[in-house]
N, C-alpha and C. Protein backbone atom coordinates (compact mmCIF):
# COMPACT_ATOMS: atom_id res chain seq x y z
N MET A 1 133.00 36.73 -185.44
CA MET A 1 134.25 36.03 -185.30
C MET A 1 134.65 35.93 -183.85
N SER A 2 135.24 34.87 -183.50
CA SER A 2 135.76 34.80 -182.14
C SER A 2 137.14 34.16 -182.14
N VAL A 3 137.83 34.21 -181.07
CA VAL A 3 139.11 33.55 -180.91
C VAL A 3 138.94 32.08 -181.16
N SER A 4 139.65 31.60 -182.23
CA SER A 4 139.44 30.23 -182.64
C SER A 4 140.27 29.28 -181.73
N GLU A 5 139.83 28.15 -181.63
CA GLU A 5 140.54 27.10 -180.82
C GLU A 5 141.95 26.94 -181.28
N LYS A 6 142.12 27.01 -182.65
CA LYS A 6 143.40 26.92 -183.24
C LYS A 6 144.41 27.96 -182.69
N GLU A 7 143.90 29.20 -182.67
CA GLU A 7 144.72 30.36 -182.14
C GLU A 7 145.09 30.15 -180.70
N VAL A 8 144.16 29.71 -179.95
CA VAL A 8 144.46 29.52 -178.50
C VAL A 8 145.47 28.37 -178.38
N GLN A 9 145.38 27.41 -179.16
CA GLN A 9 146.32 26.21 -179.15
C GLN A 9 147.73 26.69 -179.51
N GLU A 10 147.84 27.57 -180.61
CA GLU A 10 149.06 28.16 -181.01
C GLU A 10 149.68 28.92 -179.95
N LEU A 11 148.91 29.77 -179.19
CA LEU A 11 149.47 30.54 -178.16
C LEU A 11 149.96 29.60 -177.01
N LYS A 12 149.24 28.57 -176.69
CA LYS A 12 149.71 27.67 -175.64
C LYS A 12 150.94 26.99 -176.08
N LYS A 13 151.03 26.60 -177.32
CA LYS A 13 152.24 26.00 -177.90
C LYS A 13 153.46 26.86 -177.68
N GLU A 14 153.31 28.17 -178.06
CA GLU A 14 154.34 29.14 -177.97
C GLU A 14 154.79 29.34 -176.51
N LEU A 15 153.83 29.36 -175.57
CA LEU A 15 154.19 29.52 -174.15
C LEU A 15 154.83 28.29 -173.73
N SER A 16 154.40 27.08 -174.13
CA SER A 16 155.07 25.86 -173.69
C SER A 16 156.51 25.81 -174.27
N GLU A 17 156.75 26.23 -175.45
CA GLU A 17 158.04 26.23 -176.02
C GLU A 17 158.95 27.21 -175.27
N MET A 18 158.47 28.35 -174.81
CA MET A 18 159.21 29.29 -174.12
C MET A 18 159.60 28.71 -172.71
N LYS A 19 158.52 28.01 -172.08
CA LYS A 19 158.84 27.46 -170.84
C LYS A 19 159.90 26.31 -170.90
N SER A 20 159.75 25.53 -172.00
CA SER A 20 160.77 24.57 -172.24
C SER A 20 162.18 25.15 -172.47
N LEU A 21 162.31 26.23 -173.22
CA LEU A 21 163.57 26.86 -173.39
C LEU A 21 164.17 27.38 -172.07
N ILE A 22 163.31 27.98 -171.23
CA ILE A 22 163.82 28.42 -169.95
C ILE A 22 164.26 27.27 -169.06
N THR A 23 163.39 26.19 -169.01
CA THR A 23 163.66 25.07 -168.25
C THR A 23 165.00 24.42 -168.66
N ASP A 24 165.28 24.30 -169.98
CA ASP A 24 166.50 23.78 -170.54
C ASP A 24 167.65 24.63 -170.19
N TYR A 25 167.46 25.92 -170.25
CA TYR A 25 168.53 26.84 -169.93
C TYR A 25 168.89 26.71 -168.42
N VAL A 26 167.87 26.60 -167.53
CA VAL A 26 168.15 26.42 -166.16
C VAL A 26 168.94 25.10 -165.85
N LYS A 27 168.43 24.05 -166.51
CA LYS A 27 169.14 22.78 -166.31
C LYS A 27 170.56 22.81 -166.76
N GLU A 28 170.80 23.51 -167.94
CA GLU A 28 172.20 23.64 -168.37
C GLU A 28 173.04 24.45 -167.46
N THR A 29 172.53 25.60 -167.01
CA THR A 29 173.34 26.47 -166.20
C THR A 29 173.43 26.06 -164.73
N LYS A 30 172.54 25.15 -164.35
CA LYS A 30 172.57 24.67 -162.97
C LYS A 30 173.82 23.80 -162.73
N ASN A 31 174.35 23.18 -163.75
CA ASN A 31 175.51 22.35 -163.61
C ASN A 31 176.81 23.18 -163.57
N ALA A 32 176.73 24.42 -164.08
CA ALA A 32 177.89 25.33 -164.07
C ALA A 32 178.06 25.80 -162.73
N ALA A 33 179.34 26.14 -162.37
CA ALA A 33 179.70 26.59 -160.97
C ALA A 33 178.91 27.85 -160.57
N ASN A 34 179.00 28.85 -161.37
CA ASN A 34 178.31 30.17 -161.03
C ASN A 34 177.20 30.49 -162.10
N SER A 35 176.24 29.55 -162.02
CA SER A 35 175.18 29.79 -163.06
C SER A 35 173.93 30.48 -162.46
N ALA A 36 173.45 31.37 -163.18
CA ALA A 36 172.24 32.02 -162.83
C ALA A 36 171.83 32.89 -164.04
N PHE A 37 170.51 33.25 -164.11
CA PHE A 37 170.12 34.07 -165.16
C PHE A 37 170.60 35.53 -164.83
N SER A 38 171.17 36.08 -165.86
CA SER A 38 171.57 37.51 -165.68
C SER A 38 170.31 38.46 -165.76
N PRO A 39 170.34 39.52 -165.20
CA PRO A 39 169.16 40.38 -165.35
C PRO A 39 168.81 40.65 -166.74
N ASP A 40 169.84 40.81 -167.59
CA ASP A 40 169.54 41.13 -169.00
C ASP A 40 168.81 39.83 -169.72
N GLN A 41 169.26 38.70 -169.35
CA GLN A 41 168.65 37.48 -169.90
C GLN A 41 167.19 37.40 -169.54
N MET A 42 166.95 37.55 -168.25
CA MET A 42 165.60 37.57 -167.74
C MET A 42 164.70 38.63 -168.33
N LYS A 43 165.22 39.83 -168.50
CA LYS A 43 164.58 40.89 -169.16
C LYS A 43 164.18 40.62 -170.51
N SER A 44 165.15 40.00 -171.26
CA SER A 44 164.91 39.63 -172.59
C SER A 44 163.81 38.56 -172.70
N LEU A 45 163.84 37.53 -171.93
CA LEU A 45 162.86 36.45 -171.99
C LEU A 45 161.49 37.01 -171.61
N ALA A 46 161.47 37.81 -170.61
CA ALA A 46 160.16 38.32 -170.11
C ALA A 46 159.59 39.27 -171.21
N HIS A 47 160.53 40.07 -171.83
CA HIS A 47 160.03 40.97 -172.92
C HIS A 47 159.47 40.16 -174.10
N GLU A 48 160.17 39.11 -174.49
CA GLU A 48 159.65 38.30 -175.61
C GLU A 48 158.34 37.61 -175.31
N LEU A 49 158.21 37.12 -174.22
CA LEU A 49 156.98 36.50 -173.72
C LEU A 49 155.86 37.48 -173.71
N GLY A 50 156.14 38.68 -173.11
CA GLY A 50 155.09 39.75 -173.00
C GLY A 50 154.74 40.25 -174.40
N GLN A 51 155.60 40.29 -175.32
CA GLN A 51 155.30 40.72 -176.74
C GLN A 51 154.40 39.65 -177.37
N ASN A 52 154.67 38.38 -177.19
CA ASN A 52 153.78 37.35 -177.74
C ASN A 52 152.40 37.33 -177.27
N VAL A 53 152.21 37.45 -175.95
CA VAL A 53 150.94 37.55 -175.37
C VAL A 53 150.19 38.75 -175.66
N ARG A 54 150.93 39.96 -175.67
CA ARG A 54 150.34 41.24 -175.97
C ARG A 54 149.83 41.25 -177.44
N GLY A 55 150.70 40.67 -178.32
CA GLY A 55 150.32 40.66 -179.73
C GLY A 55 149.12 39.84 -179.91
N PHE A 56 148.97 38.75 -179.28
CA PHE A 56 147.79 37.83 -179.45
C PHE A 56 146.48 38.53 -179.03
N PHE A 57 146.61 39.24 -177.87
CA PHE A 57 145.40 39.97 -177.37
C PHE A 57 145.08 41.18 -178.16
N ASP A 58 146.12 41.88 -178.64
CA ASP A 58 145.86 43.05 -179.53
C ASP A 58 145.15 42.57 -180.79
N ASP A 59 145.51 41.44 -181.34
CA ASP A 59 144.93 40.95 -182.57
C ASP A 59 143.44 40.64 -182.31
N LYS A 60 143.20 40.10 -181.11
CA LYS A 60 141.78 39.61 -180.80
C LYS A 60 140.86 40.69 -180.33
N LYS A 61 141.51 41.87 -179.89
CA LYS A 61 140.79 42.99 -179.36
C LYS A 61 139.73 43.48 -180.35
N ASP A 62 140.19 43.70 -181.57
CA ASP A 62 139.26 44.19 -182.62
C ASP A 62 138.05 43.14 -182.83
N VAL A 63 138.35 41.91 -182.81
CA VAL A 63 137.32 40.93 -183.03
C VAL A 63 136.32 40.96 -181.82
N ILE A 64 136.79 41.18 -180.74
CA ILE A 64 135.90 41.30 -179.49
C ILE A 64 135.05 42.47 -179.52
N VAL A 65 135.59 43.67 -179.97
CA VAL A 65 134.93 44.89 -180.12
C VAL A 65 133.79 44.77 -181.16
N ASP A 66 134.17 44.11 -182.29
CA ASP A 66 133.13 43.91 -183.37
C ASP A 66 132.01 43.01 -182.91
N GLN A 67 132.30 41.98 -182.10
CA GLN A 67 131.28 41.12 -181.64
C GLN A 67 130.37 41.80 -180.72
N LYS A 68 130.93 42.69 -179.84
CA LYS A 68 130.17 43.38 -178.93
C LYS A 68 129.19 44.35 -179.58
N LYS A 69 129.71 45.01 -180.61
CA LYS A 69 128.81 45.97 -181.33
C LYS A 69 127.74 45.25 -182.09
N SER A 70 127.99 44.02 -182.61
CA SER A 70 126.98 43.20 -183.32
C SER A 70 125.93 42.80 -182.39
N CYS A 71 126.29 42.39 -181.11
CA CYS A 71 125.39 41.90 -180.14
C CYS A 71 124.47 43.09 -179.73
N GLU A 72 125.07 44.29 -179.49
CA GLU A 72 124.34 45.38 -179.11
C GLU A 72 123.34 45.73 -180.25
N THR A 73 123.76 45.73 -181.53
CA THR A 73 122.80 46.01 -182.61
C THR A 73 121.65 45.07 -182.70
N LYS A 74 121.93 43.83 -182.49
CA LYS A 74 120.86 42.80 -182.49
C LYS A 74 119.88 43.07 -181.40
N ILE A 75 120.35 43.41 -180.21
CA ILE A 75 119.49 43.71 -179.13
C ILE A 75 118.61 44.85 -179.36
N GLN A 76 119.18 45.97 -179.97
CA GLN A 76 118.45 47.12 -180.31
C GLN A 76 117.41 46.88 -181.45
N GLU A 77 117.78 45.96 -182.36
CA GLU A 77 116.86 45.71 -183.40
C GLU A 77 115.65 44.80 -182.90
N ASN A 78 115.88 43.98 -181.96
CA ASN A 78 114.88 43.08 -181.44
C ASN A 78 114.78 43.11 -179.87
N PRO A 79 114.35 44.22 -179.27
CA PRO A 79 114.41 44.35 -177.84
C PRO A 79 113.49 43.32 -177.13
N LEU A 80 112.37 43.00 -177.68
CA LEU A 80 111.45 42.06 -177.05
C LEU A 80 112.03 40.67 -177.10
N ALA A 81 112.48 40.27 -178.19
CA ALA A 81 113.01 38.89 -178.29
C ALA A 81 114.29 38.77 -177.39
N SER A 82 115.05 39.84 -177.37
CA SER A 82 116.27 39.84 -176.48
C SER A 82 115.88 39.69 -175.04
N THR A 83 114.79 40.48 -174.67
CA THR A 83 114.39 40.38 -173.29
C THR A 83 113.83 38.98 -172.91
N LEU A 84 113.13 38.42 -173.79
CA LEU A 84 112.49 37.08 -173.58
C LEU A 84 113.61 36.04 -173.46
N ILE A 85 114.61 36.11 -174.34
CA ILE A 85 115.70 35.14 -174.35
C ILE A 85 116.55 35.36 -172.98
N ALA A 86 116.75 36.54 -172.57
CA ALA A 86 117.41 36.78 -171.31
C ALA A 86 116.62 36.17 -170.11
N PHE A 87 115.28 36.45 -170.18
CA PHE A 87 114.44 35.89 -169.08
C PHE A 87 114.48 34.44 -169.03
N VAL A 88 114.32 33.71 -170.18
CA VAL A 88 114.28 32.29 -170.24
C VAL A 88 115.59 31.68 -169.72
N GLY A 89 116.74 32.39 -170.28
CA GLY A 89 118.06 31.93 -169.83
C GLY A 89 118.27 32.10 -168.28
N GLY A 90 117.72 33.19 -167.72
CA GLY A 90 117.83 33.37 -166.28
C GLY A 90 117.00 32.40 -165.53
N ALA A 91 115.76 32.08 -166.06
CA ALA A 91 114.94 31.07 -165.39
C ALA A 91 115.57 29.77 -165.34
N ILE A 92 116.17 29.37 -166.49
CA ILE A 92 116.83 28.10 -166.55
C ILE A 92 118.00 27.99 -165.60
N LEU A 93 118.80 29.06 -165.56
CA LEU A 93 119.89 29.13 -164.64
C LEU A 93 119.46 29.04 -163.18
N ALA A 94 118.43 29.80 -162.92
CA ALA A 94 117.86 29.83 -161.57
C ALA A 94 117.42 28.41 -161.17
N ALA A 95 116.69 27.70 -162.07
CA ALA A 95 116.20 26.30 -161.84
C ALA A 95 117.39 25.45 -161.58
N LEU A 96 118.43 25.53 -162.28
CA LEU A 96 119.61 24.74 -162.09
C LEU A 96 120.32 24.87 -160.77
N ILE A 97 120.39 26.16 -160.43
CA ILE A 97 121.03 26.51 -159.19
C ILE A 97 120.26 26.14 -158.00
N SER A 98 118.96 26.27 -158.04
CA SER A 98 118.03 25.90 -156.90
C SER A 98 117.90 24.49 -156.67
N LYS A 99 118.30 23.62 -157.68
CA LYS A 99 118.23 22.14 -157.41
C LYS A 99 119.33 21.56 -156.52
N LYS A 100 120.27 22.45 -156.20
CA LYS A 100 121.38 21.85 -155.32
C LYS A 100 120.95 21.58 -153.98
C-alpha cells in the first residue's frame, strides 16, 4: 500500500482551506484600525495546521515501513533477480543521462 492520490488531494484541500481561512481573516482584520493576529491566534492556527500535517504523516508512516520491509524481503528471497533489475535500471538511467 502507498499513499493514495486521494489522500494527498485531501491533505492539499485541507491546507488550501486553512490558507483561505487565514487569508479571509487577514482581509477582514486589515480594514479594522488596530488589526493584527494575536500571538494566541497565530499559535492556535499553527498548532491546528501542524496537527493535520503530523496526523497525515503518522498515518502513512506505518504504510511506508511495511512497504520497506516487503521490498527488503523480496530482495532477500530473489537476490539475483534484484541485482539484475538494479543493473538494468542503472544502465537505462546512465544511457538517458549520457545522451544530453
